[in-house]
């Protein structure tokens, strides 16, 4: 959806930009020439008119012969606005809406978030091709990316595995490079979508301490949903999955571990699919108390 909007915005920018350029370099002079020609013909007939009357006649002629085409007028008016929005969304900040509960308790369905598109490098709009490398995703970041199975869809998950990591998710325990990521139970969380309580845990990934939801008693069948690139890097077992993350790839997981369709099922997120790092909830119309929060 956001990808389609970016394409539409780009097309509007190009169309209005071309019209704006034509008006600036050519159409303005055509209108000015037409107005001056009309004034030259009309001025001799204004002999005897007062200054105010002559001024009114001139204004009427300018309005008639200098009238701008409605399409050109709208394009010239909207081009600076479209340019500003396009540059802001493409290189600085882009808004997204959370559609599901896969990132509970960090993000709820209905949260409107802001995504920093500068942290991970400058990319060409629409093509999403990186042209300037500034930084890379860090373990624990909440990242928006284009869904590898269908790049027209935007997904949001947490970065768990980095390029070169050996990651294991066995019996619902997470291991990175042979070390278990210890979690500590912090309470119970009510999931509105399931109308049920789920155990909530505190987990440390890199420098980020965050909360996850996990039901240790619930069976979870981890099976690949498609034959994803570098599928040979993963081994699916009865009790989980083991993966070696390829260069340029990232292993993503939802904080709602039992209710998230993520890298455990569809594989790695390549660098070219990255959109940006989520950093702020700017609005939730149902829960105003969530504004400004994020972890």
Protein backbone atom coordinates (compact mmCIF):
# COMPACT_ATOMS: atom_id res chain seq x y z
CA UNK A 1 0.00 0.00 0.00
CA UNK A 2 2.76 2.47 0.95
CA UNK A 3 4.78 1.30 -2.06
CA UNK A 4 1.82 2.06 -4.35
CA UNK A 5 1.35 5.45 -2.70
CA UNK A 6 5.04 6.24 -3.22
CA UNK A 7 4.68 5.41 -6.92
CA UNK A 8 1.56 7.57 -7.27
CA UNK A 9 3.32 10.41 -5.46
CA UNK A 10 6.32 10.08 -7.79
CA UNK A 11 4.10 10.20 -10.89
CA UNK A 12 2.31 13.29 -9.55
CA UNK A 13 5.67 14.90 -8.82
CA UNK A 14 6.92 14.26 -12.35
CA UNK A 15 3.71 15.51 -14.03
CA UNK A 16 3.37 18.66 -11.92
CA UNK A 17 7.12 19.25 -12.16
CA UNK A 18 7.04 19.18 -15.97
CA UNK A 19 4.10 21.59 -16.06
CA UNK A 20 5.78 23.83 -13.47
CA UNK A 21 8.95 23.90 -15.60
CA UNK A 22 7.02 24.66 -18.79
CA UNK A 23 5.22 27.50 -17.06
CA UNK A 24 8.39 28.94 -15.52
CA UNK A 25 10.51 28.86 -18.70
CA UNK A 26 7.91 29.36 -21.46
CA UNK A 27 4.21 29.84 -20.63
CA UNK A 28 4.81 32.88 -18.38
CA UNK A 29 6.56 34.68 -21.23
CA UNK A 30 3.81 33.71 -23.66
CA UNK A 31 1.19 35.18 -21.32
CA UNK A 32 3.28 38.33 -20.75
CA UNK A 33 3.72 38.83 -24.51
CA UNK A 34 -0.01 38.37 -25.07
CA UNK A 35 -0.84 40.91 -22.37
CA UNK A 36 1.60 43.51 -23.74
CA UNK A 37 0.22 43.09 -27.26
CA UNK A 38 -3.34 43.63 -25.99
CA UNK A 39 -2.26 46.71 -23.99
CA UNK A 40 -0.49 48.22 -27.01
CA UNK A 41 -3.66 47.96 -29.05
CA UNK A 42 -5.93 49.28 -26.30
CA UNK A 43 -3.93 52.21 -24.90
CA UNK A 44 -4.64 54.65 -27.78
CA UNK A 45 -8.37 54.33 -27.08
CA UNK A 46 -7.91 55.30 -23.42
CA UNK A 47 -7.24 58.96 -24.27
CA UNK A 48 -9.38 61.11 -22.05
CA UNK A 49 -9.84 58.49 -19.35
CA UNK A 50 -8.90 59.33 -15.79
CA UNK A 51 -5.93 57.58 -14.18
CA UNK A 52 -8.25 55.37 -12.16
CA UNK A 53 -10.29 54.40 -15.22
CA UNK A 54 -7.16 53.63 -17.26
CA UNK A 55 -5.82 51.53 -14.40
CA UNK A 56 -9.09 49.58 -14.23
CA UNK A 57 -9.02 48.97 -18.00
CA UNK A 58 -5.44 47.73 -17.78
CA UNK A 59 -6.28 45.39 -14.90
CA UNK A 60 -9.22 43.95 -16.86
CA UNK A 61 -7.03 43.35 -19.92
CA UNK A 62 -4.33 41.69 -17.83
CA UNK A 63 -6.92 39.42 -16.20
CA UNK A 64 -8.40 38.45 -19.57
CA UNK A 65 -5.26 37.98 -21.68
CA UNK A 66 -2.98 36.82 -18.86
CA UNK A 67 -5.37 34.19 -17.57
CA UNK A 68 -3.60 30.97 -16.66
CA UNK A 69 -4.99 27.59 -17.71
CA UNK A 70 -6.69 25.80 -14.76
CA UNK A 71 -4.49 22.71 -15.16
CA UNK A 72 -1.33 24.80 -15.18
CA UNK A 73 -2.58 26.81 -12.20
CA UNK A 74 -3.21 23.69 -10.09
CA UNK A 75 0.09 22.09 -11.11
CA UNK A 76 2.08 25.23 -10.27
CA UNK A 77 0.29 25.54 -6.91
CA UNK A 78 0.67 21.90 -5.84
CA UNK A 79 4.16 21.13 -7.17
CA UNK A 80 6.06 22.65 -4.17
CA UNK A 81 3.77 20.81 -1.73
CA UNK A 82 4.14 17.47 -3.54
CA UNK A 83 7.90 17.98 -3.76
CA UNK A 84 8.14 18.63 -0.01
CA UNK A 85 6.01 15.58 0.89
CA UNK A 86 7.91 13.36 -1.56
CA UNK A 87 11.33 14.38 -0.22
CA UNK A 88 10.19 14.00 3.39
CA UNK A 89 8.68 10.53 2.84
CA UNK A 90 11.51 9.31 0.63
CA UNK A 91 14.53 10.37 2.65
CA UNK A 92 13.55 11.38 6.19
CA UNK A 93 10.34 10.11 7.80
CA UNK A 94 7.40 8.04 6.62
CA UNK A 95 4.20 7.22 8.53
CA UNK A 96 2.79 3.70 8.80
CA UNK A 97 -0.25 2.09 10.41
CA UNK A 98 0.02 -1.14 12.42
CA UNK A 99 -2.61 -3.54 11.00
CA UNK A 100 -2.28 -6.53 13.33
CA UNK A 101 -1.18 -7.76 16.74
CA UNK A 102 1.99 -9.57 15.65
CA UNK A 103 4.15 -6.99 17.48
CA UNK A 104 2.23 -7.00 20.77
CA UNK A 105 2.90 -5.77 23.38
CA UNK A 106 5.26 -3.24 21.74
CA UNK A 107 2.85 -2.17 19.00
CA UNK A 108 -0.90 -2.58 18.92
CA UNK A 109 -3.27 -2.75 15.98
CA UNK A 110 -4.25 0.84 15.18
CA UNK A 111 -0.97 2.43 16.27
CA UNK A 112 0.23 5.07 13.82
CA UNK A 113 4.01 5.10 13.81
CA UNK A 114 6.86 7.09 12.30
CA UNK A 115 9.73 5.39 10.51
CA UNK A 116 13.20 6.90 10.16
CA UNK A 117 14.37 6.34 6.57
CA UNK A 118 17.76 7.98 7.10
CA UNK A 119 19.34 5.63 9.68
CA UNK A 120 20.01 2.75 7.32
CA UNK A 121 21.20 4.77 4.34
CA UNK A 122 19.80 6.93 1.55
CA UNK A 123 17.83 5.01 -1.06
CA UNK A 124 16.38 5.94 -4.43
CA UNK A 125 12.63 6.57 -4.13
CA UNK A 126 10.32 3.85 -5.52
CA UNK A 127 13.29 1.66 -6.58
CA UNK A 128 14.51 1.47 -2.95
CA UNK A 129 18.10 1.08 -4.19
CA UNK A 130 20.65 2.22 -1.62
CA UNK A 131 22.97 4.92 -2.97
CA UNK A 132 24.63 6.14 0.25
CA UNK A 133 25.36 3.79 3.14
CA UNK A 134 24.99 5.47 6.55
CA UNK A 135 24.27 2.64 8.96
CA UNK A 136 22.92 -0.89 9.25
CA UNK A 137 20.09 -2.43 11.27
CA UNK A 138 21.06 -3.35 14.82
CA UNK A 139 19.85 -6.29 16.84
CA UNK A 140 16.70 -5.24 18.66
CA UNK A 141 15.64 -2.57 16.14
CA UNK A 142 11.99 -2.52 15.09
CA UNK A 143 12.17 -2.34 11.32
CA UNK A 144 9.74 -1.80 8.44
CA UNK A 145 10.55 -3.74 5.28
CA UNK A 146 8.98 -4.99 2.09
CA UNK A 147 7.58 -8.48 2.59
CA UNK A 148 9.91 -10.82 0.63
CA UNK A 149 7.00 -13.01 -0.52
CA UNK A 150 5.12 -9.97 -1.89
CA UNK A 151 7.25 -6.78 -2.03
CA UNK A 152 4.16 -4.61 -2.55
CA UNK A 153 3.30 -5.20 1.13
CA UNK A 154 5.04 -3.51 4.06
CA UNK A 155 5.79 -5.60 7.17
CA UNK A 156 7.12 -4.61 10.58
CA UNK A 157 9.07 -6.92 12.90
CA UNK A 158 12.03 -6.81 15.26
CA UNK A 159 15.59 -7.48 14.04
CA UNK A 160 16.73 -10.64 15.83
CA UNK A 161 19.48 -12.05 13.61
CA UNK A 162 22.21 -10.18 11.73
CA UNK A 163 24.27 -11.29 8.71
CA UNK A 164 26.55 -14.20 9.66
CA UNK A 165 24.67 -15.10 12.85
CA UNK A 166 23.81 -18.68 13.69
CA UNK A 167 20.29 -18.49 15.06
CA UNK A 168 18.26 -21.23 16.69
CA UNK A 169 14.68 -21.17 17.90
CA UNK A 170 14.16 -24.48 19.69
CA UNK A 171 11.41 -25.37 22.13
CA UNK A 172 10.46 -21.68 22.06
CA UNK A 173 13.89 -20.65 23.32
CA UNK A 174 16.03 -18.27 21.26
CA UNK A 175 19.77 -18.86 20.78
CA UNK A 176 22.11 -16.56 18.89
CA UNK A 177 25.62 -17.82 18.10
CA UNK A 178 25.20 -20.55 20.69
CA UNK A 179 24.11 -18.25 23.50
CA UNK A 180 20.59 -18.42 24.89
CA UNK A 181 18.74 -15.11 25.00
CA UNK A 182 17.44 -15.18 28.55
CA UNK A 183 13.91 -13.97 29.15
CA UNK A 184 12.31 -13.01 32.47
CA UNK A 185 8.60 -13.25 33.12
CA UNK A 186 7.11 -9.85 33.92
CA UNK A 187 3.39 -10.57 34.12
CA UNK A 188 0.30 -11.34 32.07
CA UNK A 189 -0.89 -9.40 29.02
CA UNK A 190 -4.47 -9.27 27.76
CA UNK A 191 -4.61 -9.76 23.99
CA UNK A 192 -7.74 -8.01 22.67
CA UNK A 193 -7.72 -9.94 19.37
CA UNK A 194 -7.73 -13.31 21.14
CA UNK A 195 -9.67 -12.13 24.21
CA UNK A 196 -7.19 -14.01 26.37
CA UNK A 197 -4.24 -13.48 28.66
CA UNK A 198 -0.72 -14.42 27.52
CA UNK A 199 2.49 -14.54 29.56
CA UNK A 200 4.65 -11.45 29.10
CA UNK A 201 8.45 -11.63 29.29
CA UNK A 202 11.31 -9.15 29.30
CA UNK A 203 14.02 -9.88 26.73
CA UNK A 204 17.35 -8.22 25.91
CA UNK A 205 18.44 -8.05 22.26
CA UNK A 206 21.62 -6.06 21.79
CA UNK A 207 21.17 -2.77 23.62
CA UNK A 208 17.37 -3.03 23.54
CA UNK A 209 15.33 -4.36 26.43
CA UNK A 210 11.79 -5.07 25.29
CA UNK A 211 8.72 -7.15 26.08
CA UNK A 212 7.51 -10.25 24.26
CA UNK A 213 4.43 -12.45 24.54
CA UNK A 214 4.88 -16.22 24.71
CA UNK A 215 2.76 -19.21 25.70
CA UNK A 216 5.24 -21.98 26.52
CA UNK A 217 2.43 -24.56 26.58
CA UNK A 218 1.10 -23.75 23.10
CA UNK A 219 2.35 -25.96 20.24
CA UNK A 220 3.80 -24.05 17.32
CA UNK A 221 4.40 -25.71 13.97
CA UNK A 222 7.37 -24.00 12.30
CA UNK A 223 7.24 -24.91 8.62
CA UNK A 224 8.41 -22.82 5.66
CA UNK A 225 5.58 -21.17 3.72
CA UNK A 226 7.57 -20.98 0.47
CA UNK A 227 10.93 -21.97 -0.98
CA UNK A 228 12.65 -18.73 0.01
CA UNK A 229 16.13 -17.63 -1.17
CA UNK A 230 18.94 -19.28 0.85
CA UNK A 231 16.48 -21.88 2.08
CA UNK A 232 19.46 -24.26 2.39
CA UNK A 233 20.72 -22.10 5.29
CA UNK A 234 17.83 -23.28 7.49
CA UNK A 235 17.10 -26.63 9.05
CA UNK A 236 13.53 -27.25 10.18
CA UNK A 237 13.18 -29.65 13.10
CA UNK A 238 10.29 -31.07 15.10
CA UNK A 239 10.92 -28.60 17.90
CA UNK A 240 11.99 -25.52 15.94
CA UNK A 241 14.37 -24.13 13.34
CA UNK A 242 18.10 -23.46 12.95
CA UNK A 243 19.40 -20.88 10.48
CA UNK A 244 22.70 -19.37 9.40
CA UNK A 245 21.89 -15.87 8.20
CA UNK A 246 23.41 -15.02 4.81
CA UNK A 247 25.36 -11.89 3.98
CA UNK A 248 23.00 -8.97 3.45
CA UNK A 249 20.12 -10.78 5.14
CA UNK A 250 18.25 -10.24 8.40
CA UNK A 251 16.17 -12.58 10.55
CA UNK A 252 13.00 -10.87 11.76
CA UNK A 253 10.60 -11.95 14.50
CA UNK A 254 7.41 -10.49 15.93
CA UNK A 255 7.28 -9.72 19.66
CA UNK A 256 4.07 -11.74 19.81
CA UNK A 257 6.07 -14.92 19.28
CA UNK A 258 3.20 -17.39 18.91
CA UNK A 259 1.14 -15.15 16.62
CA UNK A 260 3.60 -13.71 14.14
CA UNK A 261 4.25 -14.74 10.55
CA UNK A 262 7.94 -13.90 10.32
CA UNK A 263 11.38 -15.15 9.22
CA UNK A 264 10.76 -18.49 10.92
CA UNK A 265 8.27 -19.17 8.11
CA UNK A 266 9.29 -17.12 5.06
CA UNK A 267 13.03 -16.63 5.46
CA UNK A 268 15.40 -13.70 5.45
CA UNK A 269 14.85 -10.02 4.68
CA UNK A 270 17.41 -8.84 2.09
CA UNK A 271 18.97 -5.40 2.47
CA UNK A 272 17.20 -4.10 -0.64
CA UNK A 273 13.81 -4.69 1.04
CA UNK A 274 14.56 -2.46 4.04
CA UNK A 275 12.37 0.65 4.42
CA UNK A 276 13.50 2.10 7.75
CA UNK A 277 13.57 1.97 11.56
CA UNK A 278 10.36 2.55 13.50
CA UNK A 279 10.91 4.92 16.41
CA UNK A 280 7.68 6.60 17.57
CA UNK A 281 3.95 6.08 18.01
CA UNK A 282 2.55 9.44 16.96
CA UNK A 283 -1.15 8.58 17.22
CA UNK A 284 -3.64 5.94 18.29
CA UNK A 285 -7.19 7.24 18.01
CA UNK A 286 -8.49 4.60 20.41
CA UNK A 287 -5.76 4.94 23.05
CA UNK A 288 -4.31 8.43 23.30
CA UNK A 289 -2.05 7.30 26.15
CA UNK A 290 0.11 5.37 23.68
CA UNK A 291 1.16 8.56 21.85
CA UNK A 292 4.89 9.16 22.18
CA UNK A 293 5.69 5.68 23.51
CA UNK A 294 7.92 3.07 21.92
CA UNK A 295 10.49 0.44 22.84
